[in-house]
Amino acid sequence: MRIDLEKLLETTSRLIGRTALEDREIGMAFLDVMHSIATFDDCVIFAYRGAERPIDLFSTFSGKDYEVFVSLYQEGPYLLDPFYRTAAAHRQGIWRMRELAPDRFFSSEYFRSYYEKTGLAEEVGFFVPVAGHVTLAMSLMRRAASGAFSTNEYHQLRKAEPLVAAIARHFWHDLERRFDESASGFKKSAHPTDVSEKIWGELDLTRREIAIIELVLQGHSSESIGLRLEIATGTVKVHRRNIYRKLRISSQTQLLSLYLDNIRELN
């Protein structure tokens, strides 16, 4: 796809001199800029702060799609999302989902139970740390029928990253206040590790076992977990057997179900 320069300039000119816009106006401007560069099917913009329930700033979804991509996601699956993990680390840039996902993500129970329901061929995200501890993830999605982004489209999107970051920081600079006013989710700026210990803390698991559970659910193989925790792969497998025994479960399906149930109780 060739860049629609006229559309791009017209959209950005509408923003010059504006000091404040509603979420939907900002989202629509982002949508217009992106449509001048690449083709895609859907868009969603989440704000993240620590492990708190993400704020849905803008999306193109409605009906059942909104339920899957936004409402269900906010209930707890976001904690296992590679995009959430990237936002929680306050990284800035643009990445494809497959660049961020762990080595077994696409065969994980999280993928089978949640992400696969989205029917996406590919997801690309702009990550923008804004004021305070808040980071935005601005996602562009292509469904299976559309296929993945081409190499050229992805390169064009990467070139647009400074413009996207400037727009996001200019108009979404007051999100800390909105998180403070929210009564749902985990407490202010809760760190993912602290949340993990809250989720599993009442189940007689050690910190090492909790760390391994989290990595398993995110989609890491035993080999990947061993590298991250600097322990032998065999040791990881022993820990996994002990975890399943303590929790009285026998599958990753049961592990994910227990995880989500515990999150609902905490929220």
C-alpha atoms as a PDB file:
ATOM      1  CA  MET A   1       0.000   0.000   0.000  1.00  0.00           C
ATOM      2  CA  ARG A   2       1.259   3.494  -0.902  1.00  0.00           C
ATOM      3  CA  ILE A   3       1.130   6.190   1.765  1.00  0.00           C
ATOM      4  CA  ASP A   4      -1.877   8.472   1.381  1.00  0.00           C
ATOM      5  CA  LEU A   5       0.063  11.686   2.022  1.00  0.00           C
ATOM      6  CA  GLU A   6      -2.977  13.927   1.565  1.00  0.00           C
ATOM      7  CA  LYS A   7      -4.934  12.053   4.217  1.00  0.00           C
ATOM      8  CA  LEU A   8      -1.947  11.983   6.562  1.00  0.00           C
ATOM      9  CA  LEU A   9      -1.341  15.746   6.313  1.00  0.00           C
ATOM     10  CA  GLU A  10      -5.041  16.580   6.606  1.00  0.00           C
ATOM     11  CA  THR A  11      -5.372  14.498   9.771  1.00  0.00           C
ATOM     12  CA  THR A  12      -2.300  15.931  11.477  1.00  0.00           C
ATOM     13  CA  SER A  13      -3.281  19.488  10.535  1.00  0.00           C
ATOM     14  CA  ARG A  14      -6.554  19.028  12.453  1.00  0.00           C
ATOM     15  CA  LEU A  15      -4.558  18.392  15.612  1.00  0.00           C
ATOM     16  CA  ILE A  16      -2.332  21.474  15.449  1.00  0.00           C
ATOM     17  CA  GLY A  17      -3.265  24.011  18.091  1.00  0.00           C
ATOM     18  CA  ARG A  18      -5.627  21.676  19.926  1.00  0.00           C
ATOM     19  CA  THR A  19      -4.898  21.298  23.626  1.00  0.00           C
ATOM     20  CA  ALA A  20      -7.574  18.790  24.589  1.00  0.00           C
ATOM     21  CA  LEU A  21      -9.719  16.190  22.840  1.00  0.00           C
ATOM     22  CA  GLU A  22     -12.083  13.454  23.973  1.00  0.00           C
ATOM     23  CA  ASP A  23     -10.745   9.889  23.904  1.00  0.00           C
ATOM     24  CA  ARG A  24     -12.781   9.018  20.836  1.00  0.00           C
ATOM     25  CA  GLU A  25     -11.527  12.069  18.922  1.00  0.00           C
ATOM     26  CA  ILE A  26      -7.908  11.132  19.676  1.00  0.00           C
ATOM     27  CA  GLY A  27      -8.569   7.537  18.745  1.00  0.00           C
ATOM     28  CA  MET A  28     -10.196   8.516  15.454  1.00  0.00           C
ATOM     29  CA  ALA A  29      -7.241  10.775  14.607  1.00  0.00           C
ATOM     30  CA  PHE A  30      -4.846   7.874  15.311  1.00  0.00           C
ATOM     31  CA  LEU A  31      -7.059   5.650  13.152  1.00  0.00           C
ATOM     32  CA  ASP A  32      -6.952   8.122  10.237  1.00  0.00           C
ATOM     33  CA  VAL A  33      -3.166   8.466  10.460  1.00  0.00           C
ATOM     34  CA  MET A  34      -2.753   4.690  10.469  1.00  0.00           C
ATOM     35  CA  HIS A  35      -5.185   4.192   7.565  1.00  0.00           C
ATOM     36  CA  SER A  36      -3.061   6.565   5.496  1.00  0.00           C
ATOM     37  CA  ILE A  37      -0.098   4.219   5.984  1.00  0.00           C
ATOM     38  CA  ALA A  38      -1.392   0.636   6.175  1.00  0.00           C
ATOM     39  CA  THR A  39      -4.512  -1.488   5.878  1.00  0.00           C
ATOM     40  CA  PHE A  40      -5.885  -3.243   8.953  1.00  0.00           C
ATOM     41  CA  ASP A  41      -9.183  -4.474  10.351  1.00  0.00           C
ATOM     42  CA  ASP A  42      -9.376  -3.333  13.973  1.00  0.00           C
ATOM     43  CA  CYS A  43      -7.761  -1.053  16.507  1.00  0.00           C
ATOM     44  CA  VAL A  44      -7.740  -0.875  20.291  1.00  0.00           C
ATOM     45  CA  ILE A  45      -5.900   1.467  22.652  1.00  0.00           C
ATOM     46  CA  PHE A  46      -5.310   0.494  26.284  1.00  0.00           C
ATOM     47  CA  ALA A  47      -3.619   2.454  29.058  1.00  0.00           C
ATOM     48  CA  TYR A  48      -1.660   0.386  31.582  1.00  0.00           C
ATOM     49  CA  ARG A  49      -0.300   1.288  35.006  1.00  0.00           C
ATOM     50  CA  GLY A  50       1.476  -1.481  36.864  1.00  0.00           C
ATOM     51  CA  ALA A  51      -0.803  -4.497  37.150  1.00  0.00           C
ATOM     52  CA  GLU A  52      -3.969  -2.435  37.495  1.00  0.00           C
ATOM     53  CA  ARG A  53      -6.986  -3.120  35.323  1.00  0.00           C
ATOM     54  CA  PRO A  54      -6.194  -1.426  31.986  1.00  0.00           C
ATOM     55  CA  ILE A  55      -8.297   1.505  30.819  1.00  0.00           C
ATOM     56  CA  ASP A  56      -9.970   1.086  27.440  1.00  0.00           C
ATOM     57  CA  LEU A  57      -9.384   4.457  25.757  1.00  0.00           C
ATOM     58  CA  PHE A  58     -10.574   3.614  22.258  1.00  0.00           C
ATOM     59  CA  SER A  59     -11.543   0.664  20.102  1.00  0.00           C
ATOM     60  CA  THR A  60     -13.316  -0.137  16.862  1.00  0.00           C
ATOM     61  CA  PHE A  61     -15.128  -3.129  18.376  1.00  0.00           C
ATOM     62  CA  SER A  62     -18.806  -3.620  19.111  1.00  0.00           C
ATOM     63  CA  GLY A  63     -21.032  -6.442  20.351  1.00  0.00           C
ATOM     64  CA  LYS A  64     -19.368  -9.825  20.818  1.00  0.00           C
ATOM     65  CA  ASP A  65     -16.028  -8.557  19.548  1.00  0.00           C
ATOM     66  CA  TYR A  66     -15.970  -5.887  22.265  1.00  0.00           C
ATOM     67  CA  GLU A  67     -16.763  -8.555  24.839  1.00  0.00           C
ATOM     68  CA  VAL A  68     -13.786 -10.692  23.761  1.00  0.00           C
ATOM     69  CA  PHE A  69     -11.207  -8.013  22.966  1.00  0.00           C
ATOM     70  CA  VAL A  70     -12.017  -5.607  25.802  1.00  0.00           C
ATOM     71  CA  SER A  71     -14.415  -6.737  28.563  1.00  0.00           C
ATOM     72  CA  LEU A  72     -13.141 -10.307  28.927  1.00  0.00           C
ATOM     73  CA  TYR A  73      -9.537  -9.147  28.525  1.00  0.00           C
ATOM     74  CA  GLN A  74      -9.889  -6.623  31.358  1.00  0.00           C
ATOM     75  CA  GLU A  75     -11.138  -9.300  33.750  1.00  0.00           C
ATOM     76  CA  GLY A  76      -7.689 -10.872  34.033  1.00  0.00           C
ATOM     77  CA  PRO A  77      -6.292 -12.339  30.787  1.00  0.00           C
ATOM     78  CA  TYR A  78      -4.400  -9.066  30.230  1.00  0.00           C
ATOM     79  CA  LEU A  79      -1.914 -10.150  32.902  1.00  0.00           C
ATOM     80  CA  LEU A  80      -0.647 -12.895  30.584  1.00  0.00           C
ATOM     81  CA  ASP A  81      -0.581 -10.756  27.433  1.00  0.00           C
ATOM     82  CA  PRO A  82       2.878 -10.042  25.937  1.00  0.00           C
ATOM     83  CA  PHE A  83       1.638  -6.531  25.116  1.00  0.00           C
ATOM     84  CA  TYR A  84       0.788  -5.928  28.774  1.00  0.00           C
ATOM     85  CA  ARG A  85       4.212  -7.197  29.836  1.00  0.00           C
ATOM     86  CA  THR A  86       5.879  -4.818  27.397  1.00  0.00           C
ATOM     87  CA  ALA A  87       3.791  -1.879  28.630  1.00  0.00           C
ATOM     88  CA  ALA A  88       4.496  -2.766  32.272  1.00  0.00           C
ATOM     89  CA  ALA A  89       8.226  -2.519  31.480  1.00  0.00           C
ATOM     90  CA  HIS A  90       7.645   1.026  30.100  1.00  0.00           C
ATOM     91  CA  ARG A  91       9.237   0.185  26.770  1.00  0.00           C
ATOM     92  CA  GLN A  92       8.744   2.570  23.868  1.00  0.00           C
ATOM     93  CA  GLY A  93       8.577   1.505  20.242  1.00  0.00           C
ATOM     94  CA  ILE A  94       6.563  -0.627  17.857  1.00  0.00           C
ATOM     95  CA  TRP A  95       6.566  -4.423  17.777  1.00  0.00           C
ATOM     96  CA  ARG A  96       4.699  -7.311  16.235  1.00  0.00           C
ATOM     97  CA  MET A  97       3.084  -9.709  18.703  1.00  0.00           C
ATOM     98  CA  ARG A  98       5.341 -12.530  17.512  1.00  0.00           C
ATOM     99  CA  GLU A  99       8.417 -10.436  18.355  1.00  0.00           C
ATOM    100  CA  LEU A 100       7.314 -10.121  21.984  1.00  0.00           C
ATOM    101  CA  ALA A 101       5.661 -13.483  22.608  1.00  0.00           C
ATOM    102  CA  PRO A 102       7.494 -16.246  24.549  1.00  0.00           C
ATOM    103  CA  ASP A 103       8.687 -19.308  22.649  1.00  0.00           C
ATOM    104  CA  ARG A 104       5.614 -21.439  23.412  1.00  0.00           C
ATOM    105  CA  PHE A 105       3.039 -18.635  23.444  1.00  0.00           C
ATOM    106  CA  PHE A 106       1.158 -19.850  20.373  1.00  0.00           C
ATOM    107  CA  SER A 107       0.723 -23.317  21.882  1.00  0.00           C
ATOM    108  CA  SER A 108       0.016 -22.122  25.445  1.00  0.00           C
ATOM    109  CA  GLU A 109      -3.267 -22.614  27.253  1.00  0.00           C
ATOM    110  CA  TYR A 110      -3.695 -18.828  27.369  1.00  0.00           C
ATOM    111  CA  PHE A 111      -3.475 -18.712  23.591  1.00  0.00           C
ATOM    112  CA  ARG A 112      -5.905 -21.620  23.131  1.00  0.00           C
ATOM    113  CA  SER A 113      -8.380 -20.416  25.765  1.00  0.00           C
ATOM    114  CA  TYR A 114      -8.344 -16.698  25.043  1.00  0.00           C
ATOM    115  CA  TYR A 115      -6.145 -15.253  22.310  1.00  0.00           C
ATOM    116  CA  GLU A 116      -7.165 -17.720  19.631  1.00  0.00           C
ATOM    117  CA  LYS A 117     -10.787 -16.570  20.070  1.00  0.00           C
ATOM    118  CA  THR A 118      -9.826 -13.209  18.619  1.00  0.00           C
ATOM    119  CA  GLY A 119      -9.233 -14.785  15.210  1.00  0.00           C
ATOM    120  CA  LEU A 120      -6.250 -12.540  14.522  1.00  0.00           C
ATOM    121  CA  ALA A 121      -3.618 -13.200  11.905  1.00  0.00           C
ATOM    122  CA  GLU A 122      -1.371 -10.528  13.402  1.00  0.00           C
ATOM    123  CA  GLU A 123      -1.273  -7.714  15.936  1.00  0.00           C
ATOM    124  CA  VAL A 124       1.147  -4.792  15.888  1.00  0.00           C
ATOM    125  CA  GLY A 125       1.452  -2.403  18.822  1.00  0.00           C
ATOM    126  CA  PHE A 126       2.815   1.088  19.392  1.00  0.00           C
ATOM    127  CA  PHE A 127       4.019   1.433  23.000  1.00  0.00           C
ATOM    128  CA  VAL A 128       4.163   4.937  24.437  1.00  0.00           C
ATOM    129  CA  PRO A 129       5.132   5.733  28.050  1.00  0.00           C
ATOM    130  CA  VAL A 130       3.225   8.890  28.976  1.00  0.00           C
ATOM    131  CA  ALA A 131       3.094  10.927  32.202  1.00  0.00           C
ATOM    132  CA  GLY A 132       3.738   9.140  35.483  1.00  0.00           C
ATOM    133  CA  HIS A 133       3.806   5.345  35.435  1.00  0.00           C
ATOM    134  CA  VAL A 134       1.324   4.954  32.578  1.00  0.00           C
ATOM    135  CA  THR A 135       2.134   3.337  29.232  1.00  0.00           C
ATOM    136  CA  LEU A 136      -0.172   3.154  26.229  1.00  0.00           C
ATOM    137  CA  ALA A 137      -0.435   0.153  23.926  1.00  0.00           C
ATOM    138  CA  MET A 138      -2.000   1.218  20.628  1.00  0.00           C
ATOM    139  CA  SER A 139      -2.789  -1.932  18.688  1.00  0.00           C
ATOM    140  CA  LEU A 140      -3.519  -2.488  15.022  1.00  0.00           C
ATOM    141  CA  MET A 141      -5.035  -5.859  14.182  1.00  0.00           C
ATOM    142  CA  ARG A 142      -5.502  -7.934  11.069  1.00  0.00           C
ATOM    143  CA  ARG A 143      -7.938 -10.844  10.972  1.00  0.00           C
ATOM    144  CA  ALA A 144      -7.191 -14.213   9.429  1.00  0.00           C
ATOM    145  CA  ALA A 145      -8.832 -13.269   6.123  1.00  0.00           C
ATOM    146  CA  SER A 146      -6.534 -10.239   5.763  1.00  0.00           C
ATOM    147  CA  GLY A 147      -3.292 -12.010   6.616  1.00  0.00           C
ATOM    148  CA  ALA A 148      -0.247 -10.486   8.292  1.00  0.00           C
ATOM    149  CA  PHE A 149       1.160  -7.018   7.650  1.00  0.00           C
ATOM    150  CA  SER A 150       3.581  -6.921   4.760  1.00  0.00           C
ATOM    151  CA  THR A 151       7.210  -6.087   5.392  1.00  0.00           C
ATOM    152  CA  ASN A 152       6.751  -2.736   3.644  1.00  0.00           C
ATOM    153  CA  GLU A 153       3.676  -1.839   5.715  1.00  0.00           C
ATOM    154  CA  TYR A 154       5.481  -2.692   8.915  1.00  0.00           C
ATOM    155  CA  HIS A 155       8.472  -0.551   7.906  1.00  0.00           C
ATOM    156  CA  GLN A 156       6.124   2.373   7.167  1.00  0.00           C
ATOM    157  CA  LEU A 157       4.439   1.951  10.539  1.00  0.00           C
ATOM    158  CA  ARG A 158       7.830   2.008  12.245  1.00  0.00           C
ATOM    159  CA  LYS A 159       8.594   5.339  10.569  1.00  0.00           C
ATOM    160  CA  ALA A 160       5.348   6.751  11.998  1.00  0.00           C
ATOM    161  CA  GLU A 161       6.247   5.838  15.592  1.00  0.00           C
ATOM    162  CA  PRO A 162       7.615   9.298  16.586  1.00  0.00           C
ATOM    163  CA  LEU A 163       4.410  10.972  15.334  1.00  0.00           C
ATOM    164  CA  VAL A 164       2.193   8.473  17.178  1.00  0.00           C
ATOM    165  CA  ALA A 165       4.184   8.959  20.400  1.00  0.00           C
ATOM    166  CA  ALA A 166       3.941  12.755  20.135  1.00  0.00           C
ATOM    167  CA  ILE A 167       0.162  12.675  19.623  1.00  0.00           C
ATOM    168  CA  ALA A 168      -0.352  10.230  22.505  1.00  0.00           C
ATOM    169  CA  ARG A 169       1.794  12.205  24.961  1.00  0.00           C
ATOM    170  CA  HIS A 170       0.176  15.502  24.010  1.00  0.00           C
ATOM    171  CA  PHE A 171      -3.429  14.448  24.442  1.00  0.00           C
ATOM    172  CA  TRP A 172      -3.235  11.605  26.991  1.00  0.00           C
ATOM    173  CA  HIS A 173      -1.081  13.272  29.646  1.00  0.00           C
ATOM    174  CA  ASP A 174      -3.624  13.064  32.501  1.00  0.00           C
ATOM    175  CA  LEU A 175      -4.124   9.314  32.761  1.00  0.00           C
ATOM    176  CA  GLU A 176      -2.564   9.008  36.226  1.00  0.00           C
ATOM    177  CA  ARG A 177      -5.566  10.885  37.628  1.00  0.00           C
ATOM    178  CA  ARG A 178      -7.970   8.561  35.852  1.00  0.00           C
ATOM    179  CA  PHE A 179      -6.274   5.497  37.302  1.00  0.00           C
ATOM    180  CA  ASP A 180      -6.362   7.091  40.768  1.00  0.00           C
ATOM    181  CA  GLU A 181     -10.107   7.648  40.419  1.00  0.00           C
ATOM    182  CA  SER A 182     -10.768   4.092  39.321  1.00  0.00           C
ATOM    183  CA  ALA A 183     -12.218   1.871  42.031  1.00  0.00           C
ATOM    184  CA  SER A 184     -11.612  -1.440  40.239  1.00  0.00           C
ATOM    185  CA  GLY A 185      -8.623  -3.726  39.877  1.00  0.00           C
ATOM    186  CA  PHE A 186      -5.380  -3.941  41.838  1.00  0.00           C
ATOM    187  CA  LYS A 187      -4.021  -1.080  43.898  1.00  0.00           C
ATOM    188  CA  LYS A 188      -2.092   1.849  42.493  1.00  0.00           C
ATOM    189  CA  SER A 189       0.975   0.932  40.449  1.00  0.00           C
ATOM    190  CA  ALA A 190       0.940  -2.656  41.715  1.00  0.00           C
ATOM    191  CA  HIS A 191       3.982  -4.458  40.355  1.00  0.00           C
ATOM    192  CA  PRO A 192       3.307  -7.671  38.381  1.00  0.00           C
ATOM    193  CA  THR A 193       5.466  -9.684  40.805  1.00  0.00           C
ATOM    194  CA  ASP A 194       3.478  -8.428  43.809  1.00  0.00           C
ATOM    195  CA  VAL A 195       0.235  -9.323  42.070  1.00  0.00           C
ATOM    196  CA  SER A 196       1.509 -12.821  41.312  1.00  0.00           C
ATOM    197  CA  GLU A 197       2.266 -13.376  44.985  1.00  0.00           C
ATOM    198  CA  LYS A 198      -1.229 -12.171  45.901  1.00  0.00           C
ATOM    199  CA  ILE A 199      -2.795 -14.530  43.382  1.00  0.00           C
ATOM    200  CA  TRP A 200      -0.884 -17.584  44.602  1.00  0.00           C
ATOM    201  CA  GLY A 201       0.130 -16.513  48.113  1.00  0.00           C
ATOM    202  CA  GLU A 202      -2.535 -18.509  49.952  1.00  0.00           C
ATOM    203  CA  LEU A 203      -1.660 -21.794  48.227  1.00  0.00           C
ATOM    204  CA  ASP A 204       1.580 -22.770  49.984  1.00  0.00           C
ATOM    205  CA  LEU A 205       3.805 -22.051  46.998  1.00  0.00           C
ATOM    206  CA  THR A 206       7.354 -20.718  47.195  1.00  0.00           C
ATOM    207  CA  ARG A 207       8.429 -17.560  45.350  1.00  0.00           C
ATOM    208  CA  ARG A 208      10.389 -19.675  42.884  1.00  0.00           C
ATOM    209  CA  GLU A 209       7.314 -21.809  42.208  1.00  0.00           C
ATOM    210  CA  ILE A 210       5.165 -18.698  41.726  1.00  0.00           C
ATOM    211  CA  ALA A 211       7.697 -17.313  39.250  1.00  0.00           C
ATOM    212  CA  ILE A 212       7.632 -20.569  37.311  1.00  0.00           C
ATOM    213  CA  ILE A 213       3.806 -20.657  37.243  1.00  0.00           C
ATOM    214  CA  GLU A 214       3.690 -17.157  35.799  1.00  0.00           C
ATOM    215  CA  LEU A 215       6.195 -17.996  33.079  1.00  0.00           C
ATOM    216  CA  VAL A 216       4.393 -21.234  32.193  1.00  0.00           C
ATOM    217  CA  LEU A 217       1.081 -19.393  31.814  1.00  0.00           C
ATOM    218  CA  GLN A 218       2.708 -16.658  29.718  1.00  0.00           C
ATOM    219  CA  GLY A 219       3.855 -19.313  27.249  1.00  0.00           C
ATOM    220  CA  HIS A 220       7.482 -20.038  28.162  1.00  0.00           C
ATOM    221  CA  SER A 221       8.909 -23.521  27.669  1.00  0.00           C
ATOM    222  CA  SER A 222      10.861 -25.233  30.440  1.00  0.00           C
ATOM    223  CA  GLU A 223      14.039 -24.373  28.540  1.00  0.00           C
ATOM    224  CA  SER A 224      13.085 -20.679  28.351  1.00  0.00           C
ATOM    225  CA  ILE A 225      12.143 -20.617  32.032  1.00  0.00           C
ATOM    226  CA  GLY A 226      15.465 -22.184  32.950  1.00  0.00           C
ATOM    227  CA  LEU A 227      17.357 -19.503  31.032  1.00  0.00           C
ATOM    228  CA  ARG A 228      15.349 -16.667  32.596  1.00  0.00           C
ATOM    229  CA  LEU A 229      15.677 -17.981  36.154  1.00  0.00           C
ATOM    230  CA  GLU A 230      19.219 -19.323  35.647  1.00  0.00           C
ATOM    231  CA  ILE A 231      18.362 -22.869  36.672  1.00  0.00           C
ATOM    232  CA  ALA A 232      18.585 -26.196  34.866  1.00  0.00           C
ATOM    233  CA  THR A 233      15.728 -27.319  32.626  1.00  0.00           C
ATOM    234  CA  GLY A 234      15.421 -30.490  34.716  1.00  0.00           C
ATOM    235  CA  THR A 235      14.995 -28.385  37.847  1.00  0.00           C
ATOM    236  CA  VAL A 236      12.189 -26.441  36.185  1.00  0.00           C
ATOM    237  CA  LYS A 237      10.405 -29.705  35.360  1.00  0.00           C
ATOM    238  CA  VAL A 238      10.734 -30.885  38.969  1.00  0.00           C
ATOM    239  CA  HIS A 239       9.259 -27.599  40.185  1.00  0.00           C
ATOM    240  CA  ARG A 240       6.369 -27.927  37.724  1.00  0.00           C
ATOM    241  CA  ARG A 241       5.543 -31.422  39.010  1.00  0.00           C
ATOM    242  CA  ASN A 242       5.630 -30.166  42.598  1.00  0.00           C
ATOM    243  CA  ILE A 243       3.394 -27.198  41.706  1.00  0.00           C
ATOM    244  CA  TYR A 244       0.788 -29.453  40.097  1.00  0.00           C
ATOM    245  CA  ARG A 245       0.899 -31.771  43.109  1.00  0.00           C
ATOM    246  CA  LYS A 246       0.429 -28.902  45.582  1.00  0.00           C
ATOM    247  CA  LEU A 247      -2.438 -27.428  43.573  1.00  0.00           C
ATOM    248  CA  ARG A 248      -3.984 -30.870  42.993  1.00  0.00           C
ATOM    249  CA  ILE A 249      -4.225 -30.358  39.260  1.00  0.00           C
ATOM    250  CA  SER A 250      -2.914 -32.282  36.255  1.00  0.00           C
ATOM    251  CA  SER A 251      -3.038 -29.893  33.309  1.00  0.00           C
ATOM    252  CA  GLN A 252      -2.237 -26.370  32.171  1.00  0.00           C
ATOM    253  CA  THR A 253      -5.959 -25.925  31.459  1.00  0.00           C
ATOM    254  CA  GLN A 254      -6.697 -26.397  35.156  1.00  0.00           C
ATOM    255  CA  LEU A 255      -3.769 -24.127  36.064  1.00  0.00           C
ATOM    256  CA  LEU A 256      -5.134 -21.284  33.923  1.00  0.00           C
ATOM    257  CA  SER A 257      -8.657 -21.772  35.291  1.00  0.00           C
ATOM    258  CA  LEU A 258      -7.355 -21.586  38.860  1.00  0.00           C
ATOM    259  CA  TYR A 259      -5.330 -18.489  37.992  1.00  0.00           C
ATOM    260  CA  LEU A 260      -8.308 -16.622  36.545  1.00  0.00           C
ATOM    261  CA  ASP A 261     -10.557 -17.673  39.440  1.00  0.00           C
ATOM    262  CA  ASN A 262      -8.051 -16.269  41.935  1.00  0.00           C
ATOM    263  CA  ILE A 263      -7.829 -12.992  40.005  1.00  0.00           C
ATOM    264  CA  ARG A 264     -11.618 -12.589  40.095  1.00  0.00           C
ATOM    265  CA  GLU A 265     -11.595 -13.096  43.863  1.00  0.00           C
ATOM    266  CA  LEU A 266      -8.900 -10.444  44.324  1.00  0.00           C
ATOM    267  CA  ASN A 267     -10.796  -7.947  42.179  1.00  0.00           C
END
